[in-house]
Amino acid sequence: MFLDISLMFLFIPLKVHVTILA
């Protein structure tokens, strides 16, 4: 459960960063 939340917090900003660069 905690791992899933951690992955979300890591993945969402990464996805946003890629969207800004794209």
Protein backbone atom coordinates (compact mmCIF):
# COMPACT_ATOMS: atom_id res chain seq x y z
CA MET A 1 0.00 0.00 0.00
CA PHE A 2 2.70 2.47 1.02
CA LEU A 3 4.81 1.40 -1.95
CA ASP A 4 1.92 2.10 -4.32
CA ILE A 5 1.50 5.60 -2.85
CA SER A 6 5.24 6.22 -3.14
CA LEU A 7 5.20 5.13 -6.78
CA MET A 8 2.31 7.50 -7.46
CA PHE A 9 4.18 10.45 -5.90
CA LEU A 10 7.23 9.56 -7.99
CA PHE A 11 5.39 8.81 -11.23
CA ILE A 12 2.93 11.74 -11.35
CA PRO A 13 5.58 14.53 -11.19
CA LEU A 14 7.66 12.61 -13.75
CA LYS A 15 4.67 12.40 -16.11
CA VAL A 16 3.97 16.11 -15.63
CA HIS A 17 7.63 16.92 -16.34
CA VAL A 18 7.55 14.87 -19.56
CA THR A 19 4.33 16.62 -20.60
CA ILE A 20 5.93 20.05 -20.07
CA LEU A 21 8.98 19.04 -22.10
CA ALA A 22 6.89 17.52 -24.88
